[in-house]
Amino acid sequence: VQNNAQDYLILFNQGAVPAKIVLNSKGQI
């Protein structure tokens, strides 16, 4: 997983998936 501006990019050997994620105060998604 690499940083992609304010979001993230999940890397695979055949491609990639841009992703956004938010955690609560307990670290839960």
PDB file of all heavy atoms in Angstrom:
ATOM      1  N   VAL A   1       0.870  -1.179   0.000  1.00  0.00           N
ATOM      2  CA  VAL A   1       0.000   0.000   0.000  1.00  0.00           C
ATOM      3  C   VAL A   1       0.902   1.224   0.000  1.00  0.00           C
ATOM      4  O   VAL A   1       1.814   1.330   0.829  1.00  0.00           O
ATOM      5  CB  VAL A   1      -0.916   0.028   1.239  1.00  0.00           C
ATOM      6  CG1 VAL A   1      -1.686   1.358   1.300  1.00  0.00           C
ATOM      7  CG2 VAL A   1      -1.904  -1.134   1.214  1.00  0.00           C
ATOM      8  N   GLN A   2       0.658   2.125  -0.948  1.00  0.00           N
ATOM      9  CA  GLN A   2       1.464   3.342  -0.975  1.00  0.00           C
ATOM     10  C   GLN A   2       0.559   4.566  -0.904  1.00  0.00           C
ATOM     11  O   GLN A   2      -0.607   4.523  -1.288  1.00  0.00           O
ATOM     12  CB  GLN A   2       2.334   3.402  -2.232  1.00  0.00           C
ATOM     13  CG  GLN A   2       1.580   3.672  -3.522  1.00  0.00           C
ATOM     14  CD  GLN A   2       2.517   3.807  -4.724  1.00  0.00           C
ATOM     15  OE1 GLN A   2       3.578   3.193  -4.759  1.00  0.00           O
ATOM     16  NE2 GLN A   2       2.121   4.603  -5.692  1.00  0.00           N
ATOM     17  N   ASN A   3       1.092   5.648  -0.377  1.00  0.00           N
ATOM     18  CA  ASN A   3       0.332   6.890  -0.298  1.00  0.00           C
ATOM     19  C   ASN A   3       0.087   7.433  -1.701  1.00  0.00           C
ATOM     20  O   ASN A   3       0.935   7.338  -2.578  1.00  0.00           O
ATOM     21  CB  ASN A   3       1.094   7.920   0.519  1.00  0.00           C
ATOM     22  CG  ASN A   3       1.148   7.536   1.991  1.00  0.00           C
ATOM     23  OD1 ASN A   3       2.002   6.739   2.381  1.00  0.00           O
ATOM     24  ND2 ASN A   3       0.257   8.072   2.786  1.00  0.00           N
ATOM     25  N   ASN A   4      -1.127   7.985  -1.898  1.00  0.00           N
ATOM     26  CA  ASN A   4      -1.518   8.520  -3.199  1.00  0.00           C
ATOM     27  C   ASN A   4      -2.247   9.832  -2.936  1.00  0.00           C
ATOM     28  O   ASN A   4      -3.457   9.855  -2.752  1.00  0.00           O
ATOM     29  CB  ASN A   4      -2.419   7.527  -3.926  1.00  0.00           C
ATOM     30  CG  ASN A   4      -2.785   7.979  -5.311  1.00  0.00           C
ATOM     31  OD1 ASN A   4      -2.030   8.686  -5.953  1.00  0.00           O
ATOM     32  ND2 ASN A   4      -3.959   7.572  -5.776  1.00  0.00           N
ATOM     33  N   ALA A   5      -1.478  10.941  -2.872  1.00  0.00           N
ATOM     34  CA  ALA A   5      -2.008  12.239  -2.449  1.00  0.00           C
ATOM     35  C   ALA A   5      -2.573  12.069  -1.036  1.00  0.00           C
ATOM     36  O   ALA A   5      -1.861  11.643  -0.144  1.00  0.00           O
ATOM     37  CB  ALA A   5      -3.058  12.731  -3.425  1.00  0.00           C
ATOM     38  N   GLN A   6      -3.864  12.361  -0.838  1.00  0.00           N
ATOM     39  CA  GLN A   6      -4.458  12.213   0.490  1.00  0.00           C
ATOM     40  C   GLN A   6      -5.025  10.814   0.702  1.00  0.00           C
ATOM     41  O   GLN A   6      -5.491  10.492   1.791  1.00  0.00           O
ATOM     42  CB  GLN A   6      -5.567  13.249   0.687  1.00  0.00           C
ATOM     43  CG  GLN A   6      -5.065  14.685   0.668  1.00  0.00           C
ATOM     44  CD  GLN A   6      -6.193  15.682   0.850  1.00  0.00           C
ATOM     45  OE1 GLN A   6      -7.358  15.384   0.614  1.00  0.00           O
ATOM     46  NE2 GLN A   6      -5.841  16.889   1.266  1.00  0.00           N
ATOM     47  N   ASP A   7      -4.957   9.984  -0.317  1.00  0.00           N
ATOM     48  CA  ASP A   7      -5.528   8.654  -0.233  1.00  0.00           C
ATOM     49  C   ASP A   7      -4.432   7.605  -0.398  1.00  0.00           C
ATOM     50  O   ASP A   7      -3.266   7.876  -0.105  1.00  0.00           O
ATOM     51  CB  ASP A   7      -6.618   8.501  -1.298  1.00  0.00           C
ATOM     52  CG  ASP A   7      -7.718   9.539  -1.138  1.00  0.00           C
ATOM     53  OD1 ASP A   7      -8.152   9.754   0.004  1.00  0.00           O
ATOM     54  OD2 ASP A   7      -8.133  10.129  -2.154  1.00  0.00           O
ATOM     55  N   TYR A   8      -4.818   6.402  -0.881  1.00  0.00           N
ATOM     56  CA  TYR A   8      -3.860   5.306  -0.954  1.00  0.00           C
ATOM     57  C   TYR A   8      -4.013   4.554  -2.271  1.00  0.00           C
ATOM     58  O   TYR A   8      -5.068   4.591  -2.915  1.00  0.00           O
ATOM     59  CB  TYR A   8      -4.051   4.348   0.234  1.00  0.00           C
ATOM     60  CG  TYR A   8      -3.873   5.034   1.559  1.00  0.00           C
ATOM     61  CD1 TYR A   8      -4.974   5.578   2.230  1.00  0.00           C
ATOM     62  CD2 TYR A   8      -2.607   5.177   2.129  1.00  0.00           C
ATOM     63  CE1 TYR A   8      -4.815   6.237   3.433  1.00  0.00           C
ATOM     64  CE2 TYR A   8      -2.437   5.837   3.338  1.00  0.00           C
ATOM     65  CZ  TYR A   8      -3.541   6.368   3.991  1.00  0.00           C
ATOM     66  OH  TYR A   8      -3.377   7.028   5.181  1.00  0.00           O
ATOM     67  N   LEU A   9      -2.961   3.846  -2.631  1.00  0.00           N
ATOM     68  CA  LEU A   9      -2.961   3.008  -3.819  1.00  0.00           C
ATOM     69  C   LEU A   9      -2.502   1.616  -3.401  1.00  0.00           C
ATOM     70  O   LEU A   9      -1.401   1.453  -2.865  1.00  0.00           O
ATOM     71  CB  LEU A   9      -2.021   3.578  -4.874  1.00  0.00           C
ATOM     72  CG  LEU A   9      -2.150   3.013  -6.296  1.00  0.00           C
ATOM     73  CD1 LEU A   9      -3.516   3.340  -6.882  1.00  0.00           C
ATOM     74  CD2 LEU A   9      -1.059   3.587  -7.186  1.00  0.00           C
ATOM     75  N   ILE A  10      -3.370   0.615  -3.620  1.00  0.00           N
ATOM     76  CA  ILE A  10      -3.035  -0.760  -3.267  1.00  0.00           C
ATOM     77  C   ILE A  10      -2.422  -1.423  -4.495  1.00  0.00           C
ATOM     78  O   ILE A  10      -3.061  -1.495  -5.545  1.00  0.00           O
ATOM     79  CB  ILE A  10      -4.286  -1.536  -2.801  1.00  0.00           C
ATOM     80  CG1 ILE A  10      -4.982  -0.776  -1.675  1.00  0.00           C
ATOM     81  CG2 ILE A  10      -3.912  -2.943  -2.335  1.00  0.00           C
ATOM     82  CD1 ILE A  10      -6.373  -1.273  -1.364  1.00  0.00           C
ATOM     83  N   LEU A  11      -1.199  -1.872  -4.376  1.00  0.00           N
ATOM     84  CA  LEU A  11      -0.455  -2.397  -5.507  1.00  0.00           C
ATOM     85  C   LEU A  11      -0.490  -3.918  -5.555  1.00  0.00           C
ATOM     86  O   LEU A  11      -0.307  -4.591  -4.529  1.00  0.00           O
ATOM     87  CB  LEU A  11       1.002  -1.926  -5.432  1.00  0.00           C
ATOM     88  CG  LEU A  11       1.233  -0.415  -5.353  1.00  0.00           C
ATOM     89  CD1 LEU A  11       2.720  -0.121  -5.233  1.00  0.00           C
ATOM     90  CD2 LEU A  11       0.640   0.279  -6.561  1.00  0.00           C
ATOM     91  N   PHE A  12      -0.726  -4.447  -6.756  1.00  0.00           N
ATOM     92  CA  PHE A  12      -0.682  -5.883  -7.022  1.00  0.00           C
ATOM     93  C   PHE A  12       0.279  -6.098  -8.190  1.00  0.00           C
ATOM     94  O   PHE A  12       0.640  -5.151  -8.889  1.00  0.00           O
ATOM     95  CB  PHE A  12      -2.074  -6.408  -7.389  1.00  0.00           C
ATOM     96  CG  PHE A  12      -3.112  -6.192  -6.332  1.00  0.00           C
ATOM     97  CD1 PHE A  12      -3.805  -4.983  -6.256  1.00  0.00           C
ATOM     98  CD2 PHE A  12      -3.416  -7.186  -5.415  1.00  0.00           C
ATOM     99  CE1 PHE A  12      -4.766  -4.776  -5.284  1.00  0.00           C
ATOM    100  CE2 PHE A  12      -4.377  -6.979  -4.435  1.00  0.00           C
ATOM    101  CZ  PHE A  12      -5.054  -5.774  -4.367  1.00  0.00           C
ATOM    102  N   ASN A  13       0.659  -7.350  -8.429  1.00  0.00           N
ATOM    103  CA  ASN A  13       1.619  -7.559  -9.515  1.00  0.00           C
ATOM    104  C   ASN A  13       0.992  -7.398 -10.891  1.00  0.00           C
ATOM    105  O   ASN A  13       1.714  -7.302 -11.887  1.00  0.00           O
ATOM    106  CB  ASN A  13       2.313  -8.920  -9.388  1.00  0.00           C
ATOM    107  CG  ASN A  13       1.348 -10.090  -9.508  1.00  0.00           C
ATOM    108  OD1 ASN A  13       0.145  -9.894  -9.638  1.00  0.00           O
ATOM    109  ND2 ASN A  13       1.878 -11.297  -9.456  1.00  0.00           N
ATOM    110  N   GLN A  14      -0.352  -7.340 -10.980  1.00  0.00           N
ATOM    111  CA  GLN A  14      -0.996  -7.135 -12.272  1.00  0.00           C
ATOM    112  C   GLN A  14      -1.806  -5.844 -12.344  1.00  0.00           C
ATOM    113  O   GLN A  14      -2.505  -5.596 -13.313  1.00  0.00           O
ATOM    114  CB  GLN A  14      -1.905  -8.326 -12.603  1.00  0.00           C
ATOM    115  CG  GLN A  14      -1.170  -9.645 -12.769  1.00  0.00           C
ATOM    116  CD  GLN A  14      -2.126 -10.801 -13.020  1.00  0.00           C
ATOM    117  OE1 GLN A  14      -3.184 -10.632 -13.623  1.00  0.00           O
ATOM    118  NE2 GLN A  14      -1.759 -11.981 -12.555  1.00  0.00           N
ATOM    119  N   GLY A  15      -1.729  -5.017 -11.308  1.00  0.00           N
ATOM    120  CA  GLY A  15      -2.482  -3.776 -11.351  1.00  0.00           C
ATOM    121  C   GLY A  15      -2.501  -3.071 -10.008  1.00  0.00           C
ATOM    122  O   GLY A  15      -1.714  -3.372  -9.110  1.00  0.00           O
ATOM    123  N   ALA A  16      -3.422  -2.118  -9.866  1.00  0.00           N
ATOM    124  CA  ALA A  16      -3.511  -1.322  -8.643  1.00  0.00           C
ATOM    125  C   ALA A  16      -4.953  -0.895  -8.414  1.00  0.00           C
ATOM    126  O   ALA A  16      -5.759  -0.827  -9.349  1.00  0.00           O
ATOM    127  CB  ALA A  16      -2.606  -0.101  -8.739  1.00  0.00           C
ATOM    128  N   VAL A  17      -5.283  -0.592  -7.147  1.00  0.00           N
ATOM    129  CA  VAL A  17      -6.620  -0.149  -6.770  1.00  0.00           C
ATOM    130  C   VAL A  17      -6.507   1.095  -5.896  1.00  0.00           C
ATOM    131  O   VAL A  17      -5.963   1.025  -4.786  1.00  0.00           O
ATOM    132  CB  VAL A  17      -7.391  -1.247  -6.000  1.00  0.00           C
ATOM    133  CG1 VAL A  17      -8.757  -0.726  -5.571  1.00  0.00           C
ATOM    134  CG2 VAL A  17      -7.548  -2.494  -6.835  1.00  0.00           C
ATOM    135  N   PRO A  18      -6.989   2.256  -6.361  1.00  0.00           N
ATOM    136  CA  PRO A  18      -7.042   3.438  -5.488  1.00  0.00           C
ATOM    137  C   PRO A  18      -8.040   3.186  -4.352  1.00  0.00           C
ATOM    138  O   PRO A  18      -9.093   2.571  -4.561  1.00  0.00           O
ATOM    139  CB  PRO A  18      -7.545   4.547  -6.421  1.00  0.00           C
ATOM    140  CG  PRO A  18      -7.284   4.034  -7.805  1.00  0.00           C
ATOM    141  CD  PRO A  18      -7.447   2.550  -7.724  1.00  0.00           C
ATOM    142  N   ALA A  19      -7.707   3.657  -3.159  1.00  0.00           N
ATOM    143  CA  ALA A  19      -8.568   3.374  -2.007  1.00  0.00           C
ATOM    144  C   ALA A  19      -8.642   4.573  -1.077  1.00  0.00           C
ATOM    145  O   ALA A  19      -7.708   5.379  -0.990  1.00  0.00           O
ATOM    146  CB  ALA A  19      -8.047   2.156  -1.254  1.00  0.00           C
ATOM    147  N   LYS A  20      -9.760   4.659  -0.377  1.00  0.00           N
ATOM    148  CA  LYS A  20      -9.944   5.643   0.684  1.00  0.00           C
ATOM    149  C   LYS A  20     -10.354   4.879   1.941  1.00  0.00           C
ATOM    150  O   LYS A  20     -11.074   3.879   1.857  1.00  0.00           O
ATOM    151  CB  LYS A  20     -11.051   6.643   0.323  1.00  0.00           C
ATOM    152  CG  LYS A  20     -10.788   7.477  -0.926  1.00  0.00           C
ATOM    153  CD  LYS A  20     -11.999   8.351  -1.252  1.00  0.00           C
ATOM    154  CE  LYS A  20     -11.808   9.113  -2.554  1.00  0.00           C
ATOM    155  NZ  LYS A  20     -10.836  10.212  -2.405  1.00  0.00           N
ATOM    156  N   ILE A  21      -9.920   5.355   3.089  1.00  0.00           N
ATOM    157  CA  ILE A  21     -10.259   4.678   4.338  1.00  0.00           C
ATOM    158  C   ILE A  21     -10.382   5.702   5.454  1.00  0.00           C
ATOM    159  O   ILE A  21      -9.671   6.708   5.470  1.00  0.00           O
ATOM    160  CB  ILE A  21      -9.203   3.597   4.692  1.00  0.00           C
ATOM    161  CG1 ILE A  21      -9.647   2.785   5.917  1.00  0.00           C
ATOM    162  CG2 ILE A  21      -7.829   4.218   4.896  1.00  0.00           C
ATOM    163  CD1 ILE A  21      -8.794   1.557   6.173  1.00  0.00           C
ATOM    164  N   VAL A  22     -11.306   5.459   6.380  1.00  0.00           N
ATOM    165  CA  VAL A  22     -11.492   6.301   7.549  1.00  0.00           C
ATOM    166  C   VAL A  22     -11.555   5.403   8.775  1.00  0.00           C
ATOM    167  O   VAL A  22     -12.233   4.366   8.763  1.00  0.00           O
ATOM    168  CB  VAL A  22     -12.796   7.131   7.444  1.00  0.00           C
ATOM    169  CG1 VAL A  22     -13.024   7.917   8.731  1.00  0.00           C
ATOM    170  CG2 VAL A  22     -12.734   8.076   6.261  1.00  0.00           C
ATOM    171  N   LEU A  23     -10.842   5.776   9.820  1.00  0.00           N
ATOM    172  CA  LEU A  23     -10.852   5.041  11.077  1.00  0.00           C
ATOM    173  C   LEU A  23     -11.537   5.859  12.163  1.00  0.00           C
ATOM    174  O   LEU A  23     -11.465   7.094  12.153  1.00  0.00           O
ATOM    175  CB  LEU A  23      -9.423   4.712  11.522  1.00  0.00           C
ATOM    176  CG  LEU A  23      -8.522   3.956  10.536  1.00  0.00           C
ATOM    177  CD1 LEU A  23      -7.175   3.684  11.171  1.00  0.00           C
ATOM    178  CD2 LEU A  23      -9.172   2.671  10.054  1.00  0.00           C
ATOM    179  N   ASN A  24     -12.184   5.171  13.099  1.00  0.00           N
ATOM    180  CA  ASN A  24     -12.758   5.877  14.244  1.00  0.00           C
ATOM    181  C   ASN A  24     -11.720   6.002  15.355  1.00  0.00           C
ATOM    182  O   ASN A  24     -10.551   5.630  15.175  1.00  0.00           O
ATOM    183  CB  ASN A  24     -14.043   5.195  14.718  1.00  0.00           C
ATOM    184  CG  ASN A  24     -13.796   3.786  15.261  1.00  0.00           C
ATOM    185  OD1 ASN A  24     -12.657   3.390  15.540  1.00  0.00           O
ATOM    186  ND2 ASN A  24     -14.864   3.027  15.405  1.00  0.00           N
ATOM    187  N   SER A  25     -12.121   6.501  16.498  1.00  0.00           N
ATOM    188  CA  SER A  25     -11.180   6.749  17.596  1.00  0.00           C
ATOM    189  C   SER A  25     -10.564   5.475  18.146  1.00  0.00           C
ATOM    190  O   SER A  25      -9.526   5.511  18.812  1.00  0.00           O
ATOM    191  CB  SER A  25     -11.882   7.512  18.724  1.00  0.00           C
ATOM    192  OG  SER A  25     -12.995   6.767  19.202  1.00  0.00           O
ATOM    193  N   LYS A  26     -11.192   4.328  17.866  1.00  0.00           N
ATOM    194  CA  LYS A  26     -10.667   3.040  18.335  1.00  0.00           C
ATOM    195  C   LYS A  26      -9.772   2.373  17.294  1.00  0.00           C
ATOM    196  O   LYS A  26      -9.314   1.248  17.497  1.00  0.00           O
ATOM    197  CB  LYS A  26     -11.832   2.106  18.681  1.00  0.00           C
ATOM    198  CG  LYS A  26     -12.730   2.616  19.800  1.00  0.00           C
ATOM    199  CD  LYS A  26     -13.884   1.646  20.041  1.00  0.00           C
ATOM    200  CE  LYS A  26     -14.814   2.168  21.125  1.00  0.00           C
ATOM    201  NZ  LYS A  26     -15.969   1.225  21.348  1.00  0.00           N
ATOM    202  N   GLY A  27      -9.563   3.054  16.165  1.00  0.00           N
ATOM    203  CA  GLY A  27      -8.765   2.453  15.116  1.00  0.00           C
ATOM    204  C   GLY A  27      -9.537   1.474  14.265  1.00  0.00           C
ATOM    205  O   GLY A  27      -8.958   0.703  13.494  1.00  0.00           O
ATOM    206  N   GLN A  28     -10.865   1.502  14.379  1.00  0.00           N
ATOM    207  CA  GLN A  28     -11.710   0.609  13.574  1.00  0.00           C
ATOM    208  C   GLN A  28     -12.103   1.305  12.267  1.00  0.00           C
ATOM    209  O   GLN A  28     -12.252   2.534  12.221  1.00  0.00           O
ATOM    210  CB  GLN A  28     -12.975   0.229  14.350  1.00  0.00           C
ATOM    211  CG  GLN A  28     -12.713  -0.577  15.606  1.00  0.00           C
ATOM    212  CD  GLN A  28     -13.993  -0.770  16.404  1.00  0.00           C
ATOM    213  OE1 GLN A  28     -14.749   0.191  16.647  1.00  0.00           O
ATOM    214  NE2 GLN A  28     -14.245  -2.003  16.806  1.00  0.00           N
ATOM    215  N   ILE A  29     -12.305   0.511  11.231  1.00  0.00           N
ATOM    216  CA  ILE A  29     -12.691   1.057   9.934  1.00  0.00           C
ATOM    217  C   ILE A  29     -14.150   1.488   9.975  1.00  0.00           C
ATOM    218  O   ILE A  29     -15.046   0.673  10.216  1.00  0.00           O
ATOM    219  CB  ILE A  29     -12.468   0.019   8.826  1.00  0.00           C
ATOM    220  CG1 ILE A  29     -10.981  -0.322   8.719  1.00  0.00           C
ATOM    221  CG2 ILE A  29     -12.987   0.539   7.482  1.00  0.00           C
ATOM    222  CD1 ILE A  29     -10.672  -1.482   7.783  1.00  0.00           C
TER     223      ILE A  29
END
